[in-house]
PDB file of N, CA and C in Angstrom:
ATOM      1  N   UNK A   1      -0.482  12.775 -26.434  1.00  0.00           N
ATOM      2  CA  UNK A   1      -0.954  13.171 -25.052  1.00  0.00           C
ATOM      3  C   UNK A   1      -1.954  12.927 -25.063  1.00  0.00           C
ATOM      4  N   UNK A   2      -2.590  12.879 -25.753  1.00  0.00           N
ATOM      5  CA  UNK A   2      -4.365  12.188 -25.291  1.00  0.00           C
ATOM      6  C   UNK A   2      -4.300  10.336 -25.045  1.00  0.00           C
ATOM      7  N   UNK A   3      -3.390   9.748 -26.043  1.00  0.00           N
ATOM      8  CA  UNK A   3      -3.515   8.982 -25.306  1.00  0.00           C
ATOM      9  C   UNK A   3      -3.085   8.319 -24.064  1.00  0.00           C
ATOM     10  N   UNK A   4      -2.004   8.594 -23.641  1.00  0.00           N
ATOM     11  CA  UNK A   4      -1.507   8.958 -22.661  1.00  0.00           C
ATOM     12  C   UNK A   4      -2.080   9.300 -21.067  1.00  0.00           C
ATOM     13  N   UNK A   5      -3.083  10.260 -21.129  1.00  0.00           N
ATOM     14  CA  UNK A   5      -3.738  10.783 -20.535  1.00  0.00           C
ATOM     15  C   UNK A   5      -4.828   9.794 -19.735  1.00  0.00           C
ATOM     16  N   UNK A   6      -6.058   9.051 -21.264  1.00  0.00           N
ATOM     17  CA  UNK A   6      -6.763   8.572 -21.060  1.00  0.00           C
ATOM     18  C   UNK A   6      -6.278   6.608 -21.071  1.00  0.00           C
ATOM     19  N   UNK A   7      -4.901   6.834 -21.183  1.00  0.00           N
ATOM     20  CA  UNK A   7      -4.621   5.231 -20.006  1.00  0.00           C
ATOM     21  C   UNK A   7      -4.427   5.890 -18.792  1.00  0.00           C
ATOM     22  N   UNK A   8      -3.540   6.112 -18.279  1.00  0.00           N
ATOM     23  CA  UNK A   8      -2.879   7.175 -16.791  1.00  0.00           C
ATOM     24  C   UNK A   8      -4.538   6.610 -16.302  1.00  0.00           C
ATOM     25  N   UNK A   9      -5.848   8.234 -16.947  1.00  0.00           N
ATOM     26  CA  UNK A   9      -7.346   7.323 -16.424  1.00  0.00           C
ATOM     27  C   UNK A   9      -7.740   5.539 -16.221  1.00  0.00           C
ATOM     28  N   UNK A  10      -6.872   4.966 -17.362  1.00  0.00           N
ATOM     29  CA  UNK A  10      -7.619   4.237 -17.466  1.00  0.00           C
ATOM     30  C   UNK A  10      -7.449   3.095 -15.677  1.00  0.00           C
ATOM     31  N   UNK A  11      -5.523   3.381 -15.872  1.00  0.00           N
ATOM     32  CA  UNK A  11      -5.215   2.865 -14.420  1.00  0.00           C
ATOM     33  C   UNK A  11      -5.824   3.864 -13.132  1.00  0.00           C
ATOM     34  N   UNK A  12      -6.136   4.714 -13.217  1.00  0.00           N
ATOM     35  CA  UNK A  12      -6.955   4.774 -12.215  1.00  0.00           C
ATOM     36  C   UNK A  12      -8.156   4.454 -11.833  1.00  0.00           C
ATOM     37  N   UNK A  13      -8.502   4.047 -12.557  1.00  0.00           N
ATOM     38  CA  UNK A  13     -10.279   3.001 -12.611  1.00  0.00           C
ATOM     39  C   UNK A  13     -10.328   2.265 -11.938  1.00  0.00           C
ATOM     40  N   UNK A  14      -8.970   1.438 -12.590  1.00  0.00           N
ATOM     41  CA  UNK A  14      -8.706   0.153 -11.916  1.00  0.00           C
ATOM     42  C   UNK A  14      -7.910  -0.327 -11.090  1.00  0.00           C
ATOM     43  N   UNK A  15      -7.558   0.687 -10.553  1.00  0.00           N
ATOM     44  CA  UNK A  15      -6.938   0.590  -9.357  1.00  0.00           C
ATOM     45  C   UNK A  15      -8.170   0.823  -8.256  1.00  0.00           C
ATOM     46  N   UNK A  16      -9.102   1.706  -8.813  1.00  0.00           N
ATOM     47  CA  UNK A  16     -10.461   2.026  -7.521  1.00  0.00           C
ATOM     48  C   UNK A  16     -10.909   0.984  -7.400  1.00  0.00           C
ATOM     49  N   UNK A  17     -11.006  -0.041  -8.680  1.00  0.00           N
ATOM     50  CA  UNK A  17     -12.133  -0.820  -8.808  1.00  0.00           C
ATOM     51  C   UNK A  17     -10.932  -2.496  -7.690  1.00  0.00           C
ATOM     52  N   UNK A  18      -9.909  -2.327  -8.222  1.00  0.00           N
ATOM     53  CA  UNK A  18      -9.574  -2.997  -7.491  1.00  0.00           C
ATOM     54  C   UNK A  18      -9.630  -3.148  -6.043  1.00  0.00           C
ATOM     55  N   UNK A  19      -9.754  -2.177  -5.641  1.00  0.00           N
ATOM     56  CA  UNK A  19      -9.561  -1.420  -4.249  1.00  0.00           C
ATOM     57  C   UNK A  19     -11.143  -1.967  -3.624  1.00  0.00           C
ATOM     58  N   UNK A  20     -11.695  -1.772  -4.457  1.00  0.00           N
ATOM     59  CA  UNK A  20     -13.789  -2.328  -3.619  1.00  0.00           C
ATOM     60  C   UNK A  20     -13.635  -3.532  -4.041  1.00  0.00           C
ATOM     61  N   UNK A  21     -13.078  -4.322  -4.936  1.00  0.00           N
ATOM     62  CA  UNK A  21     -13.019  -5.208  -4.951  1.00  0.00           C
ATOM     63  C   UNK A  21     -12.020  -6.078  -3.467  1.00  0.00           C
ATOM     64  N   UNK A  22     -10.815  -5.785  -3.536  1.00  0.00           N
ATOM     65  CA  UNK A  22     -10.151  -6.240  -2.211  1.00  0.00           C
ATOM     66  C   UNK A  22     -11.113  -5.309  -0.645  1.00  0.00           C
ATOM     67  N   UNK A  23     -11.741  -4.926  -0.572  1.00  0.00           N
ATOM     68  CA  UNK A  23     -12.448  -4.419  -0.445  1.00  0.00           C
ATOM     69  C   UNK A  23     -13.393  -5.342   0.487  1.00  0.00           C
ATOM     70  N   UNK A  24     -14.463  -5.793  -0.689  1.00  0.00           N
ATOM     71  CA  UNK A  24     -15.969  -6.620   0.195  1.00  0.00           C
ATOM     72  C   UNK A  24     -14.860  -8.147   0.005  1.00  0.00           C
ATOM     73  N   UNK A  25     -13.568  -8.130  -1.175  1.00  0.00           N
ATOM     74  CA  UNK A  25     -13.323 -10.160  -0.511  1.00  0.00           C
ATOM     75  C   UNK A  25     -13.184  -9.706   0.137  1.00  0.00           C
ATOM     76  N   UNK A  26     -11.805  -9.228   1.276  1.00  0.00           N
ATOM     77  CA  UNK A  26     -10.835  -9.320   2.235  1.00  0.00           C
ATOM     78  C   UNK A  26     -11.522  -8.517   3.930  1.00  0.00           C
ATOM     79  N   UNK A  27     -12.165  -8.037   3.805  1.00  0.00           N
ATOM     80  CA  UNK A  27     -13.290  -7.362   4.992  1.00  0.00           C
ATOM     81  C   UNK A  27     -12.640  -6.996   6.003  1.00  0.00           C
ATOM     82  N   UNK A  28     -11.820  -5.944   5.529  1.00  0.00           N
ATOM     83  CA  UNK A  28     -11.233  -5.466   6.192  1.00  0.00           C
ATOM     84  C   UNK A  28      -9.640  -6.417   7.013  1.00  0.00           C
ATOM     85  N   UNK A  29      -9.306  -7.483   6.682  1.00  0.00           N
ATOM     86  CA  UNK A  29      -8.304  -8.130   7.599  1.00  0.00           C
ATOM     87  C   UNK A  29      -6.957  -8.178   6.579  1.00  0.00           C
ATOM     88  N   UNK A  30      -6.886  -7.370   5.474  1.00  0.00           N
ATOM     89  CA  UNK A  30      -5.482  -7.759   5.012  1.00  0.00           C
ATOM     90  C   UNK A  30      -5.185  -5.836   4.493  1.00  0.00           C
ATOM     91  N   UNK A  31      -4.092  -5.034   3.728  1.00  0.00           N
ATOM     92  CA  UNK A  31      -3.450  -4.688   3.642  1.00  0.00           C
ATOM     93  C   UNK A  31      -3.884  -4.125   1.621  1.00  0.00           C
ATOM     94  N   UNK A  32      -4.756  -4.754   1.342  1.00  0.00           N
ATOM     95  CA  UNK A  32      -5.087  -5.055  -0.287  1.00  0.00           C
ATOM     96  C   UNK A  32      -5.369  -3.734  -1.022  1.00  0.00           C
ATOM     97  N   UNK A  33      -6.373  -2.708   0.384  1.00  0.00           N
ATOM     98  CA  UNK A  33      -6.966  -2.786  -0.318  1.00  0.00           C
ATOM     99  C   UNK A  33      -6.980  -1.020  -0.432  1.00  0.00           C
ATOM    100  N   UNK A  34      -5.657  -0.382   1.487  1.00  0.00           N
ATOM    101  CA  UNK A  34      -5.111   0.309   1.084  1.00  0.00           C
ATOM    102  C   UNK A  34      -3.886   0.666   0.091  1.00  0.00           C
ATOM    103  N   UNK A  35      -3.438  -0.620  -0.123  1.00  0.00           N
ATOM    104  CA  UNK A  35      -2.228  -0.478  -1.277  1.00  0.00           C
ATOM    105  C   UNK A  35      -2.626  -0.255  -2.096  1.00  0.00           C
ATOM    106  N   UNK A  36      -3.873  -0.757  -2.363  1.00  0.00           N
ATOM    107  CA  UNK A  36      -4.519  -0.176  -4.245  1.00  0.00           C
ATOM    108  C   UNK A  36      -4.647   1.138  -4.092  1.00  0.00           C
ATOM    109  N   UNK A  37      -5.400   1.797  -2.955  1.00  0.00           N
ATOM    110  CA  UNK A  37      -6.460   3.190  -2.784  1.00  0.00           C
ATOM    111  C   UNK A  37      -4.418   3.674  -2.833  1.00  0.00           C
ATOM    112  N   UNK A  38      -3.613   3.046  -2.312  1.00  0.00           N
ATOM    113  CA  UNK A  38      -2.609   4.471  -1.982  1.00  0.00           C
ATOM    114  C   UNK A  38      -1.492   4.333  -3.907  1.00  0.00           C
ATOM    115  N   UNK A  39      -1.595   3.443  -4.501  1.00  0.00           N
ATOM    116  CA  UNK A  39      -1.795   3.025  -5.863  1.00  0.00           C
ATOM    117  C   UNK A  39      -2.199   4.316  -6.829  1.00  0.00           C
ATOM    118  N   UNK A  40      -3.015   4.596  -6.703  1.00  0.00           N
ATOM    119  CA  UNK A  40      -4.114   5.425  -7.447  1.00  0.00           C
ATOM    120  C   UNK A  40      -4.075   7.005  -6.741  1.00  0.00           C
ATOM    121  N   UNK A  41      -3.766   6.896  -5.659  1.00  0.00           N
ATOM    122  CA  UNK A  41      -3.341   8.004  -5.740  1.00  0.00           C
ATOM    123  C   UNK A  41      -1.951   8.991  -6.274  1.00  0.00           C
ATOM    124  N   UNK A  42      -1.116   7.580  -6.120  1.00  0.00           N
ATOM    125  CA  UNK A  42       0.245   7.685  -7.594  1.00  0.00           C
ATOM    126  C   UNK A  42      -0.033   7.765  -8.873  1.00  0.00           C
ATOM    127  N   UNK A  43      -0.882   7.193  -9.504  1.00  0.00           N
ATOM    128  CA  UNK A  43      -1.174   7.375 -10.544  1.00  0.00           C
ATOM    129  C   UNK A  43      -1.870   9.030 -10.782  1.00  0.00           C
ATOM    130  N   UNK A  44      -2.440   9.621  -9.805  1.00  0.00           N
ATOM    131  CA  UNK A  44      -3.049  10.264  -9.777  1.00  0.00           C
ATOM    132  C   UNK A  44      -2.324  12.125  -9.621  1.00  0.00           C
ATOM    133  N   UNK A  45      -1.075  11.333  -9.038  1.00  0.00           N
ATOM    134  CA  UNK A  45      -0.238  12.696  -8.817  1.00  0.00           C
ATOM    135  C   UNK A  45       0.876  12.822  -9.604  1.00  0.00           C
ATOM    136  N   UNK A  46       0.754  11.658 -10.512  1.00  0.00           N
ATOM    137  CA  UNK A  46       1.670  10.712 -11.706  1.00  0.00           C
ATOM    138  C   UNK A  46       0.919  11.723 -13.023  1.00  0.00           C
ATOM    139  N   UNK A  47       0.082  11.595 -13.166  1.00  0.00           N
ATOM    140  CA  UNK A  47      -0.405  12.338 -14.483  1.00  0.00           C
ATOM    141  C   UNK A  47      -1.352  13.693 -14.639  1.00  0.00           C
ATOM    142  N   UNK A  48      -1.601  14.310 -12.389  1.00  0.00           N
ATOM    143  CA  UNK A  48      -1.592  15.470 -12.426  1.00  0.00           C
ATOM    144  C   UNK A  48      -0.137  15.956 -13.528  1.00  0.00           C
ATOM    145  N   UNK A  49       1.605  15.319 -13.242  1.00  0.00           N
ATOM    146  CA  UNK A  49       2.808  16.617 -13.293  1.00  0.00           C
ATOM    147  C   UNK A  49       3.168  15.978 -14.620  1.00  0.00           C
ATOM    148  N   UNK A  50       2.061  14.681 -15.135  1.00  0.00           N
ATOM    149  CA  UNK A  50       2.492  14.631 -16.683  1.00  0.00           C
ATOM    150  C   UNK A  50       1.478  16.072 -17.739  1.00  0.00           C
ATOM    151  N   UNK A  51       0.822  16.475 -16.859  1.00  0.00           N
ATOM    152  CA  UNK A  51      -0.212  17.273 -17.512  1.00  0.00           C
ATOM    153  C   UNK A  51       0.471  18.226 -17.283  1.00  0.00           C
ATOM    154  N   UNK A  52       0.671  18.652 -16.725  1.00  0.00           N
ATOM    155  CA  UNK A  52       1.548  20.546 -16.046  1.00  0.00           C
ATOM    156  C   UNK A  52       2.874  20.253 -17.442  1.00  0.00           C
ATOM    157  N   UNK A  53       3.591  19.358 -17.296  1.00  0.00           N
ATOM    158  CA  UNK A  53       4.773  19.176 -18.264  1.00  0.00           C
ATOM    159  C   UNK A  53       4.606  18.966 -19.996  1.00  0.00           C
ATOM    160  N   UNK A  54       3.350  18.567 -19.776  1.00  0.00           N
ATOM    161  CA  UNK A  54       3.146  18.562 -21.177  1.00  0.00           C
ATOM    162  C   UNK A  54       2.714  20.308 -21.486  1.00  0.00           C
ATOM    163  N   UNK A  55       2.065  21.014 -20.723  1.00  0.00           N
ATOM    164  CA  UNK A  55       1.707  22.502 -21.222  1.00  0.00           C
ATOM    165  C   UNK A  55       2.948  22.564 -21.358  1.00  0.00           C
ATOM    166  N   UNK A  56       4.008  22.653 -20.339  1.00  0.00           N
ATOM    167  CA  UNK A  56       5.293  23.623 -19.958  1.00  0.00           C
ATOM    168  C   UNK A  56       5.918  23.413 -21.433  1.00  0.00           C
ATOM    169  N   UNK A  57       5.932  22.061 -21.665  1.00  0.00           N
ATOM    170  CA  UNK A  57       6.436  21.664 -23.261  1.00  0.00           C
ATOM    171  C   UNK A  57       5.702  21.756 -24.602  1.00  0.00           C
ATOM    172  N   UNK A  58       4.252  22.308 -24.071  1.00  0.00           N
ATOM    173  CA  UNK A  58       3.442  23.019 -25.462  1.00  0.00           C
ATOM    174  C   UNK A  58       3.369  21.834 -25.918  1.00  0.00           C
ATOM    175  N   UNK A  59       3.025  20.281 -25.672  1.00  0.00           N
ATOM    176  CA  UNK A  59       2.314  20.222 -25.619  1.00  0.00           C
ATOM    177  C   UNK A  59       0.821  19.720 -25.830  1.00  0.00           C
ATOM    178  N   UNK A  60       0.132  20.296 -25.367  1.00  0.00           N
ATOM    179  CA  UNK A  60      -0.426  20.481 -24.648  1.00  0.00           C
ATOM    180  C   UNK A  60      -1.056  22.188 -25.087  1.00  0.00           C
ATOM    181  N   UNK A  61      -2.187  22.310 -25.496  1.00  0.00           N
ATOM    182  CA  UNK A  61      -2.415  24.413 -25.007  1.00  0.00           C
ATOM    183  C   UNK A  61      -3.381  24.405 -25.476  1.00  0.00           C
ATOM    184  N   UNK A  62      -4.173  25.377 -24.670  1.00  0.00           N
ATOM    185  CA  UNK A  62      -5.727  25.851 -24.356  1.00  0.00           C
ATOM    186  C   UNK A  62      -6.258  26.798 -25.089  1.00  0.00           C
ATOM    187  N   UNK A  63      -7.592  25.877 -25.201  1.00  0.00           N
ATOM    188  CA  UNK A  63      -8.011  26.616 -26.673  1.00  0.00           C
ATOM    189  C   UNK A  63      -9.588  27.566 -26.237  1.00  0.00           C
ATOM    190  N   UNK A  64      -9.713  27.913 -25.011  1.00  0.00           N
ATOM    191  CA  UNK A  64     -10.548  28.706 -24.297  1.00  0.00           C
ATOM    192  C   UNK A  64     -11.900  27.867 -24.822  1.00  0.00           C
ATOM    193  N   UNK A  65     -12.834  28.690 -23.990  1.00  0.00           N
ATOM    194  CA  UNK A  65     -14.501  28.204 -24.171  1.00  0.00           C
ATOM    195  C   UNK A  65     -15.477  28.904 -25.607  1.00  0.00           C
ATOM    196  N   UNK A  66     -15.432  28.706 -26.104  1.00  0.00           N
ATOM    197  CA  UNK A  66     -16.077  28.480 -27.152  1.00  0.00           C
ATOM    198  C   UNK A  66     -17.296  29.394 -27.811  1.00  0.00           C
TER     199      UNK A  66
END
């Protein structure tokens, strides 16, 4: 489960980076920035749902603060 979360986090950061690249390169003349940010939001929602599902199925257990 740690690997899935790490990969999803890398995808989110990659999408955010590509949105920045498109913002600087296109200077607002195309929708690629909006599409990249929408993809980032989608990845974030999927990651959140995967964490919830992993908790419900017992793949993720709370450890508390030590």
